[in-house]
Amino acid sequence: MENRQKPASEHTTTTTTTTAGGSGMGIIVGILVVAVAALAYFMFAENAASPDADASDVTITIDGAGSAAEGAADAVEGAAEAVEGAVSE
């Protein structure tokens, strides 16, 4: 008997899926990034825009403290000395 084989058949399947490019989303994200950067600039550069403002010049005034403020400097100095003495021991 003769051995006959069937010829092999080849099948090629190609699937193509077309989707939107997403460029619209990229434009929206880009606009949001620019908006956040501009907002951050104006928030953090507020003092830089006015060169007359001196950040080291601070004046604090307490009105109506009366007797509560008397001796406060001595109390703070005594507390600082007590902490210094505790650390050096």
Protein backbone atom coordinates (compact mmCIF):
# COMPACT_ATOMS: atom_id res chain seq x y z
CA MET A 1 0.00 0.00 0.00
CA GLU A 2 1.10 3.37 -0.80
CA ASN A 3 1.20 6.01 1.94
CA ARG A 4 -0.45 9.15 0.69
CA GLN A 5 -0.47 12.29 2.82
CA LYS A 6 -2.82 15.14 2.33
CA PRO A 7 -1.15 18.40 1.45
CA ALA A 8 -0.95 20.76 4.42
CA SER A 9 -3.04 23.87 4.06
CA GLU A 10 -1.95 27.21 5.46
CA HIS A 11 -4.29 29.83 6.86
CA THR A 12 -3.21 33.33 7.75
CA THR A 13 -5.56 35.51 9.77
CA THR A 14 -4.91 39.22 10.26
CA THR A 15 -6.98 41.25 12.70
CA THR A 16 -6.79 45.03 12.47
CA THR A 17 -8.30 47.19 15.18
CA THR A 18 -8.59 50.91 14.60
CA THR A 19 -8.92 53.18 17.61
CA ALA A 20 -8.88 56.93 18.08
CA GLY A 21 -5.44 58.48 18.31
CA GLY A 22 -6.06 60.01 21.74
CA SER A 23 -4.70 63.39 20.71
CA GLY A 24 -7.72 65.11 22.23
CA MET A 25 -6.84 63.68 25.64
CA GLY A 26 -3.23 64.80 25.20
CA ILE A 27 -4.30 68.36 24.49
CA ILE A 28 -6.52 68.41 27.59
CA VAL A 29 -3.74 67.04 29.80
CA GLY A 30 -1.30 69.58 28.35
CA ILE A 31 -3.65 72.47 29.09
CA LEU A 32 -4.11 71.23 32.66
CA VAL A 33 -0.34 70.98 33.18
CA VAL A 34 0.16 74.54 31.95
CA ALA A 35 -2.68 75.81 34.17
CA VAL A 36 -1.24 74.12 37.27
CA ALA A 37 2.25 75.45 36.49
CA ALA A 38 0.92 79.01 36.09
CA LEU A 39 -1.07 78.72 39.32
CA ALA A 40 1.97 77.42 41.22
CA TYR A 41 4.11 80.25 39.83
CA PHE A 42 1.70 82.93 41.00
CA MET A 43 1.28 81.30 44.41
CA PHE A 44 4.99 80.79 45.15
CA ALA A 45 6.35 83.92 43.44
CA GLU A 46 3.99 86.37 45.16
CA ASN A 47 6.70 88.00 47.31
CA ALA A 48 9.22 88.09 44.46
CA ALA A 49 6.91 90.36 42.45
CA SER A 50 7.12 93.16 45.02
CA PRO A 51 10.77 94.06 45.63
CA ASP A 52 9.79 96.62 48.31
CA ALA A 53 8.65 93.89 50.68
CA ASP A 54 11.42 92.93 53.09
CA ALA A 55 10.79 89.42 54.43
CA SER A 56 13.16 89.91 57.40
CA ASP A 57 11.33 92.98 58.73
CA VAL A 58 8.67 91.66 61.13
CA THR A 59 6.93 93.78 63.76
CA ILE A 60 4.65 92.19 66.36
CA THR A 61 2.51 94.37 68.62
CA ILE A 62 0.36 93.01 71.44
CA ASP A 63 -2.22 95.47 72.73
CA GLY A 64 -3.98 94.93 76.01
CA ALA A 65 -1.57 92.36 77.46
CA GLY A 66 -1.20 94.38 80.68
CA SER A 67 0.18 92.46 83.62
CA ALA A 68 0.32 89.18 81.69
CA ALA A 69 3.27 90.46 79.66
CA GLU A 70 5.18 91.76 82.67
CA GLY A 71 8.03 89.45 83.53
CA ALA A 72 7.51 87.33 80.40
CA ALA A 73 11.07 87.97 79.25
CA ASP A 74 12.44 86.82 82.61
CA ALA A 75 10.30 83.67 82.49
CA VAL A 76 11.48 82.81 78.99
CA GLU A 77 15.10 83.43 79.95
CA GLY A 78 14.73 81.24 83.05
CA ALA A 79 13.16 78.45 80.99
CA ALA A 80 15.98 78.62 78.46
CA GLU A 81 18.59 78.42 81.21
CA ALA A 82 16.79 75.45 82.78
CA VAL A 83 16.79 73.59 79.45
CA GLU A 84 20.46 74.45 78.89
CA GLY A 85 21.32 73.15 82.37
CA ALA A 86 19.38 69.92 81.78
CA VAL A 87 21.15 69.28 78.48
CA SER A 88 24.66 69.92 79.84
CA GLU A 89 24.24 67.57 82.84
